[in-house]
Amino acid sequence: MRRSFLLAIFLSGILAGAKAQDATNEFDADISASGLVPVSWAADSPTLAHLGFDALFGFEYDSPISLQFRVEGGYLRVSASYISSDGELYRGWEGLRIAFFGGYAFAPVPVGKLGRLDASVLVGGALTAADYLDTALAYAYPSWILEPRLLLRIPGHGGSASVQGPWMAIPCELMFRAGAYSLVPGLSLGWRYRLGAIR
């Protein structure tokens, strides 16, 4: 009973303080690029690493109760994997993808004249239309994504509103590709701009 009571107080404190100082409906747009290190495996095949990158653009809605909703699209390219000791490898691939996310924004942290730091965590799914490099073989695959992020909101003109700023994310994606799986950790850097806010 006591643990349940303490947990309820803790959660209510998080929810109450999450964005109390900025109770707005916020709409943002951003661009980003990521370095990726996919690791692929399949039944009766070795686990091998690739190198890759993506370039993405996104639109996001940030609610007054700290819930976030995001749609994202972009281009992905992954090189062929390293070669195993038995001479096996996984082909590289490239494709276009669209992803949908839901998430939670934690309470912003003021950082003086620089603005404020916003931390959030997103979870979502993506669908990618891809082809193997140097072939005409095309396929599509789904994936799951977990993405912690940190955004620096830089004050706008006059210092009254934080409207833009750089952001960093550490996405981790599990791809269910044709005949193989790929776990894809990465590091993303981007720039975000607030399209508008409604109180």
C-alpha atoms as a PDB file:
ATOM      1  CA  MET A   1       0.000   0.000   0.000  1.00  0.00           C
ATOM      2  CA  ARG A   2       2.745   2.403   0.969  1.00  0.00           C
ATOM      3  CA  ARG A   3       4.717   1.644  -2.197  1.00  0.00           C
ATOM      4  CA  SER A   4       1.656   2.274  -4.362  1.00  0.00           C
ATOM      5  CA  PHE A   5       1.050   5.596  -2.622  1.00  0.00           C
ATOM      6  CA  LEU A   6       4.670   6.713  -3.116  1.00  0.00           C
ATOM      7  CA  LEU A   7       4.593   5.639  -6.763  1.00  0.00           C
ATOM      8  CA  ALA A   8       1.384   7.624  -7.356  1.00  0.00           C
ATOM      9  CA  ILE A   9       2.959  10.750  -5.820  1.00  0.00           C
ATOM     10  CA  PHE A  10       6.087  10.308  -7.939  1.00  0.00           C
ATOM     11  CA  LEU A  11       4.168   9.898 -11.200  1.00  0.00           C
ATOM     12  CA  SER A  12       1.819  12.784 -10.487  1.00  0.00           C
ATOM     13  CA  GLY A  13       4.816  14.996  -9.780  1.00  0.00           C
ATOM     14  CA  ILE A  14       6.367  14.128 -13.101  1.00  0.00           C
ATOM     15  CA  LEU A  15       3.142  14.770 -14.995  1.00  0.00           C
ATOM     16  CA  ALA A  16       2.387  17.994 -13.181  1.00  0.00           C
ATOM     17  CA  GLY A  17       5.851  19.433 -13.656  1.00  0.00           C
ATOM     18  CA  ALA A  18       6.502  18.132 -17.142  1.00  0.00           C
ATOM     19  CA  LYS A  19       5.430  21.225 -19.068  1.00  0.00           C
ATOM     20  CA  ALA A  20       3.499  23.366 -16.632  1.00  0.00           C
ATOM     21  CA  GLN A  21       5.531  26.413 -17.560  1.00  0.00           C
ATOM     22  CA  ASP A  22       4.778  26.084 -21.283  1.00  0.00           C
ATOM     23  CA  ALA A  23       1.182  24.862 -21.627  1.00  0.00           C
ATOM     24  CA  THR A  24       0.911  25.132 -25.408  1.00  0.00           C
ATOM     25  CA  ASN A  25       0.108  23.026 -28.422  1.00  0.00           C
ATOM     26  CA  GLU A  26       3.368  23.218 -30.351  1.00  0.00           C
ATOM     27  CA  PHE A  27       4.090  22.289 -33.979  1.00  0.00           C
ATOM     28  CA  ASP A  28       7.698  21.728 -35.074  1.00  0.00           C
ATOM     29  CA  ALA A  29       9.605  20.769 -38.208  1.00  0.00           C
ATOM     30  CA  ASP A  30      13.163  19.469 -38.358  1.00  0.00           C
ATOM     31  CA  ILE A  31      15.884  17.956 -40.511  1.00  0.00           C
ATOM     32  CA  SER A  32      18.567  15.538 -39.365  1.00  0.00           C
ATOM     33  CA  ALA A  33      21.347  13.198 -40.481  1.00  0.00           C
ATOM     34  CA  SER A  34      22.521  10.043 -38.730  1.00  0.00           C
ATOM     35  CA  GLY A  35      25.539   7.799 -38.698  1.00  0.00           C
ATOM     36  CA  LEU A  36      24.461   4.156 -38.357  1.00  0.00           C
ATOM     37  CA  VAL A  37      26.163   0.878 -37.411  1.00  0.00           C
ATOM     38  CA  PRO A  38      23.695  -1.878 -38.408  1.00  0.00           C
ATOM     39  CA  VAL A  39      24.330  -5.430 -37.220  1.00  0.00           C
ATOM     40  CA  SER A  40      22.648  -8.136 -39.323  1.00  0.00           C
ATOM     41  CA  TRP A  41      21.992 -11.820 -38.725  1.00  0.00           C
ATOM     42  CA  ALA A  42      19.862 -14.630 -40.141  1.00  0.00           C
ATOM     43  CA  ALA A  43      19.153 -18.284 -39.461  1.00  0.00           C
ATOM     44  CA  ASP A  44      22.293 -20.400 -39.956  1.00  0.00           C
ATOM     45  CA  SER A  45      24.252 -17.259 -40.911  1.00  0.00           C
ATOM     46  CA  PRO A  46      26.811 -15.176 -39.021  1.00  0.00           C
ATOM     47  CA  THR A  47      26.237 -11.882 -37.243  1.00  0.00           C
ATOM     48  CA  LEU A  48      28.016  -9.123 -39.169  1.00  0.00           C
ATOM     49  CA  ALA A  49      28.242  -5.324 -38.943  1.00  0.00           C
ATOM     50  CA  HIS A  50      27.662  -2.702 -41.641  1.00  0.00           C
ATOM     51  CA  LEU A  51      28.134   1.055 -41.874  1.00  0.00           C
ATOM     52  CA  GLY A  52      25.376   3.409 -43.000  1.00  0.00           C
ATOM     53  CA  PHE A  53      23.692   6.790 -42.831  1.00  0.00           C
ATOM     54  CA  ASP A  54      20.287   8.383 -43.233  1.00  0.00           C
ATOM     55  CA  ALA A  55      18.885  11.839 -43.945  1.00  0.00           C
ATOM     56  CA  LEU A  56      15.446  12.611 -42.502  1.00  0.00           C
ATOM     57  CA  PHE A  57      12.827  15.326 -42.171  1.00  0.00           C
ATOM     58  CA  GLY A  58      10.072  15.324 -39.590  1.00  0.00           C
ATOM     59  CA  PHE A  59       6.955  17.085 -38.337  1.00  0.00           C
ATOM     60  CA  GLU A  60       5.990  16.930 -34.680  1.00  0.00           C
ATOM     61  CA  TYR A  61       3.108  17.876 -32.420  1.00  0.00           C
ATOM     62  CA  ASP A  62       3.969  18.557 -28.776  1.00  0.00           C
ATOM     63  CA  SER A  63       0.906  18.652 -26.501  1.00  0.00           C
ATOM     64  CA  PRO A  64       0.476  20.624 -23.245  1.00  0.00           C
ATOM     65  CA  ILE A  65       0.462  17.351 -21.268  1.00  0.00           C
ATOM     66  CA  SER A  66       3.941  16.344 -22.531  1.00  0.00           C
ATOM     67  CA  LEU A  67       2.774  13.806 -25.120  1.00  0.00           C
ATOM     68  CA  GLN A  68       4.460  13.994 -28.510  1.00  0.00           C
ATOM     69  CA  PHE A  69       3.365  12.706 -31.909  1.00  0.00           C
ATOM     70  CA  ARG A  70       5.700  12.638 -34.890  1.00  0.00           C
ATOM     71  CA  VAL A  71       5.782  11.652 -38.561  1.00  0.00           C
ATOM     72  CA  GLU A  72       9.141  11.306 -40.287  1.00  0.00           C
ATOM     73  CA  GLY A  73      10.376  10.490 -43.778  1.00  0.00           C
ATOM     74  CA  GLY A  74      13.724  10.187 -45.471  1.00  0.00           C
ATOM     75  CA  TYR A  75      16.476   8.257 -47.218  1.00  0.00           C
ATOM     76  CA  LEU A  76      18.584   5.391 -45.829  1.00  0.00           C
ATOM     77  CA  ARG A  77      21.736   3.790 -47.242  1.00  0.00           C
ATOM     78  CA  VAL A  78      23.732   0.912 -45.734  1.00  0.00           C
ATOM     79  CA  SER A  79      26.922  -0.582 -47.161  1.00  0.00           C
ATOM     80  CA  ALA A  80      27.620  -4.290 -47.519  1.00  0.00           C
ATOM     81  CA  SER A  81      28.613  -5.918 -44.254  1.00  0.00           C
ATOM     82  CA  TYR A  82      32.061  -7.000 -43.228  1.00  0.00           C
ATOM     83  CA  ILE A  83      33.056 -10.409 -44.587  1.00  0.00           C
ATOM     84  CA  SER A  84      32.964 -13.357 -42.195  1.00  0.00           C
ATOM     85  CA  SER A  85      35.827 -15.821 -41.768  1.00  0.00           C
ATOM     86  CA  ASP A  86      33.894 -18.185 -44.057  1.00  0.00           C
ATOM     87  CA  GLY A  87      33.640 -15.572 -46.794  1.00  0.00           C
ATOM     88  CA  GLU A  88      29.976 -14.670 -46.165  1.00  0.00           C
ATOM     89  CA  LEU A  89      28.505 -11.176 -46.137  1.00  0.00           C
ATOM     90  CA  TYR A  90      25.170  -9.363 -46.241  1.00  0.00           C
ATOM     91  CA  ARG A  91      24.442  -7.114 -49.195  1.00  0.00           C
ATOM     92  CA  GLY A  92      24.063  -3.407 -48.666  1.00  0.00           C
ATOM     93  CA  TRP A  93      20.723  -1.714 -49.284  1.00  0.00           C
ATOM     94  CA  GLU A  94      19.135   1.699 -49.722  1.00  0.00           C
ATOM     95  CA  GLY A  95      15.581   2.933 -49.514  1.00  0.00           C
ATOM     96  CA  LEU A  96      12.956   5.481 -48.626  1.00  0.00           C
ATOM     97  CA  ARG A  97      11.089   5.201 -45.342  1.00  0.00           C
ATOM     98  CA  ILE A  98       8.216   6.707 -43.418  1.00  0.00           C
ATOM     99  CA  ALA A  99       7.874   6.404 -39.638  1.00  0.00           C
ATOM    100  CA  PHE A 100       5.296   7.280 -36.996  1.00  0.00           C
ATOM    101  CA  PHE A 101       6.120   7.917 -33.328  1.00  0.00           C
ATOM    102  CA  GLY A 102       4.515   8.638 -29.995  1.00  0.00           C
ATOM    103  CA  GLY A 103       6.499   9.824 -27.005  1.00  0.00           C
ATOM    104  CA  TYR A 104       6.886  11.722 -23.788  1.00  0.00           C
ATOM    105  CA  ALA A 105       8.660  15.045 -23.143  1.00  0.00           C
ATOM    106  CA  PHE A 106      10.261  15.569 -19.755  1.00  0.00           C
ATOM    107  CA  ALA A 107      10.330  18.884 -17.892  1.00  0.00           C
ATOM    108  CA  PRO A 108      12.543  21.437 -19.698  1.00  0.00           C
ATOM    109  CA  VAL A 109      15.744  22.537 -17.991  1.00  0.00           C
ATOM    110  CA  PRO A 110      16.745  26.248 -18.283  1.00  0.00           C
ATOM    111  CA  VAL A 111      20.373  26.791 -19.343  1.00  0.00           C
ATOM    112  CA  GLY A 112      20.727  30.557 -18.911  1.00  0.00           C
ATOM    113  CA  LYS A 113      21.038  32.686 -22.022  1.00  0.00           C
ATOM    114  CA  LEU A 114      21.432  29.602 -24.208  1.00  0.00           C
ATOM    115  CA  GLY A 115      17.716  28.819 -23.772  1.00  0.00           C
ATOM    116  CA  ARG A 116      16.488  25.482 -22.435  1.00  0.00           C
ATOM    117  CA  LEU A 117      17.160  21.775 -22.775  1.00  0.00           C
ATOM    118  CA  ASP A 118      14.236  19.498 -23.687  1.00  0.00           C
ATOM    119  CA  ALA A 119      14.621  15.742 -23.217  1.00  0.00           C
ATOM    120  CA  SER A 120      12.159  13.220 -24.631  1.00  0.00           C
ATOM    121  CA  VAL A 121      11.744   9.559 -25.531  1.00  0.00           C
ATOM    122  CA  LEU A 122       9.927   8.360 -28.653  1.00  0.00           C
ATOM    123  CA  VAL A 123       8.733   4.883 -29.646  1.00  0.00           C
ATOM    124  CA  GLY A 124       7.417   4.050 -33.076  1.00  0.00           C
ATOM    125  CA  GLY A 125       7.373   1.971 -36.215  1.00  0.00           C
ATOM    126  CA  ALA A 126       8.580   2.482 -39.766  1.00  0.00           C
ATOM    127  CA  LEU A 127       8.006   1.041 -43.213  1.00  0.00           C
ATOM    128  CA  THR A 128      10.899   1.122 -45.700  1.00  0.00           C
ATOM    129  CA  ALA A 129      10.800   0.495 -49.454  1.00  0.00           C
ATOM    130  CA  ALA A 130      14.327  -0.678 -50.318  1.00  0.00           C
ATOM    131  CA  ASP A 131      16.513  -2.339 -52.909  1.00  0.00           C
ATOM    132  CA  TYR A 132      19.808  -4.180 -52.618  1.00  0.00           C
ATOM    133  CA  LEU A 133      22.762  -2.110 -53.836  1.00  0.00           C
ATOM    134  CA  ASP A 134      23.849  -2.783 -57.427  1.00  0.00           C
ATOM    135  CA  THR A 135      20.813  -4.969 -58.110  1.00  0.00           C
ATOM    136  CA  ALA A 136      17.250  -4.583 -59.325  1.00  0.00           C
ATOM    137  CA  LEU A 137      15.880  -6.562 -56.361  1.00  0.00           C
ATOM    138  CA  ALA A 138      13.331  -4.478 -54.438  1.00  0.00           C
ATOM    139  CA  TYR A 139      11.487  -5.290 -51.237  1.00  0.00           C
ATOM    140  CA  ALA A 140       9.802  -3.621 -48.261  1.00  0.00           C
ATOM    141  CA  TYR A 141      10.259  -4.215 -44.560  1.00  0.00           C
ATOM    142  CA  PRO A 142       8.829  -2.985 -41.239  1.00  0.00           C
ATOM    143  CA  SER A 143      10.808  -1.975 -38.164  1.00  0.00           C
ATOM    144  CA  TRP A 144      10.471  -0.849 -34.544  1.00  0.00           C
ATOM    145  CA  ILE A 145      12.320   2.229 -33.241  1.00  0.00           C
ATOM    146  CA  LEU A 146      13.267   3.547 -29.802  1.00  0.00           C
ATOM    147  CA  GLU A 147      14.702   7.076 -29.765  1.00  0.00           C
ATOM    148  CA  PRO A 148      15.874   9.126 -26.759  1.00  0.00           C
ATOM    149  CA  ARG A 149      16.507  12.774 -27.705  1.00  0.00           C
ATOM    150  CA  LEU A 150      17.908  16.001 -26.324  1.00  0.00           C
ATOM    151  CA  LEU A 151      16.990  19.391 -27.837  1.00  0.00           C
ATOM    152  CA  LEU A 152      18.491  22.813 -27.130  1.00  0.00           C
ATOM    153  CA  ARG A 153      15.825  25.503 -27.602  1.00  0.00           C
ATOM    154  CA  ILE A 154      17.503  28.788 -28.538  1.00  0.00           C
ATOM    155  CA  PRO A 155      15.563  31.982 -27.669  1.00  0.00           C
ATOM    156  CA  GLY A 156      13.984  33.748 -30.625  1.00  0.00           C
ATOM    157  CA  HIS A 157      14.045  37.468 -31.405  1.00  0.00           C
ATOM    158  CA  GLY A 158      13.897  39.442 -28.170  1.00  0.00           C
ATOM    159  CA  GLY A 159      14.572  36.299 -26.114  1.00  0.00           C
ATOM    160  CA  SER A 160      10.885  35.759 -25.405  1.00  0.00           C
ATOM    161  CA  ALA A 161      10.289  32.386 -27.044  1.00  0.00           C
ATOM    162  CA  SER A 162      12.428  29.348 -27.785  1.00  0.00           C
ATOM    163  CA  VAL A 163      11.684  28.714 -31.455  1.00  0.00           C
ATOM    164  CA  GLN A 164      14.637  26.796 -32.867  1.00  0.00           C
ATOM    165  CA  GLY A 165      17.764  24.906 -32.022  1.00  0.00           C
ATOM    166  CA  PRO A 166      19.997  21.863 -32.516  1.00  0.00           C
ATOM    167  CA  TRP A 167      19.046  18.426 -31.297  1.00  0.00           C
ATOM    168  CA  MET A 168      20.756  15.076 -30.789  1.00  0.00           C
ATOM    169  CA  ALA A 169      19.245  11.595 -30.662  1.00  0.00           C
ATOM    170  CA  ILE A 170      20.447   8.028 -30.141  1.00  0.00           C
ATOM    171  CA  PRO A 171      17.992   5.964 -32.210  1.00  0.00           C
ATOM    172  CA  CYS A 172      17.932   2.183 -32.061  1.00  0.00           C
ATOM    173  CA  GLU A 173      15.943   0.380 -34.766  1.00  0.00           C
ATOM    174  CA  LEU A 174      15.115  -3.303 -35.210  1.00  0.00           C
ATOM    175  CA  MET A 175      14.525  -4.080 -38.896  1.00  0.00           C
ATOM    176  CA  PHE A 176      12.649  -7.169 -40.050  1.00  0.00           C
ATOM    177  CA  ARG A 177      14.248  -7.380 -43.483  1.00  0.00           C
ATOM    178  CA  ALA A 178      13.739 -10.009 -46.173  1.00  0.00           C
ATOM    179  CA  GLY A 179      15.414 -13.139 -44.838  1.00  0.00           C
ATOM    180  CA  ALA A 180      17.402 -11.307 -42.161  1.00  0.00           C
ATOM    181  CA  TYR A 181      17.188  -9.075 -39.128  1.00  0.00           C
ATOM    182  CA  SER A 182      19.180  -5.892 -38.505  1.00  0.00           C
ATOM    183  CA  LEU A 183      19.654  -4.068 -35.215  1.00  0.00           C
ATOM    184  CA  VAL A 184      20.629  -0.495 -36.053  1.00  0.00           C
ATOM    185  CA  PRO A 185      22.006   1.832 -33.361  1.00  0.00           C
ATOM    186  CA  GLY A 186      22.927   5.322 -34.499  1.00  0.00           C
ATOM    187  CA  LEU A 187      23.733   8.906 -33.613  1.00  0.00           C
ATOM    188  CA  SER A 188      21.546  11.680 -35.088  1.00  0.00           C
ATOM    189  CA  LEU A 189      22.225  15.402 -35.261  1.00  0.00           C
ATOM    190  CA  GLY A 190      19.598  17.840 -36.488  1.00  0.00           C
ATOM    191  CA  TRP A 191      18.016  21.265 -36.380  1.00  0.00           C
ATOM    192  CA  ARG A 192      14.457  22.011 -35.291  1.00  0.00           C
ATOM    193  CA  TYR A 193      12.251  25.029 -35.926  1.00  0.00           C
ATOM    194  CA  ARG A 194       8.904  25.794 -34.287  1.00  0.00           C
ATOM    195  CA  LEU A 195       6.216  26.312 -36.899  1.00  0.00           C
ATOM    196  CA  GLY A 196       3.705  27.651 -34.419  1.00  0.00           C
ATOM    197  CA  ALA A 197       2.169  27.368 -30.954  1.00  0.00           C
ATOM    198  CA  ILE A 198      -1.428  27.623 -29.775  1.00  0.00           C
ATOM    199  CA  ARG A 199      -2.328  28.201 -26.124  1.00  0.00           C
END
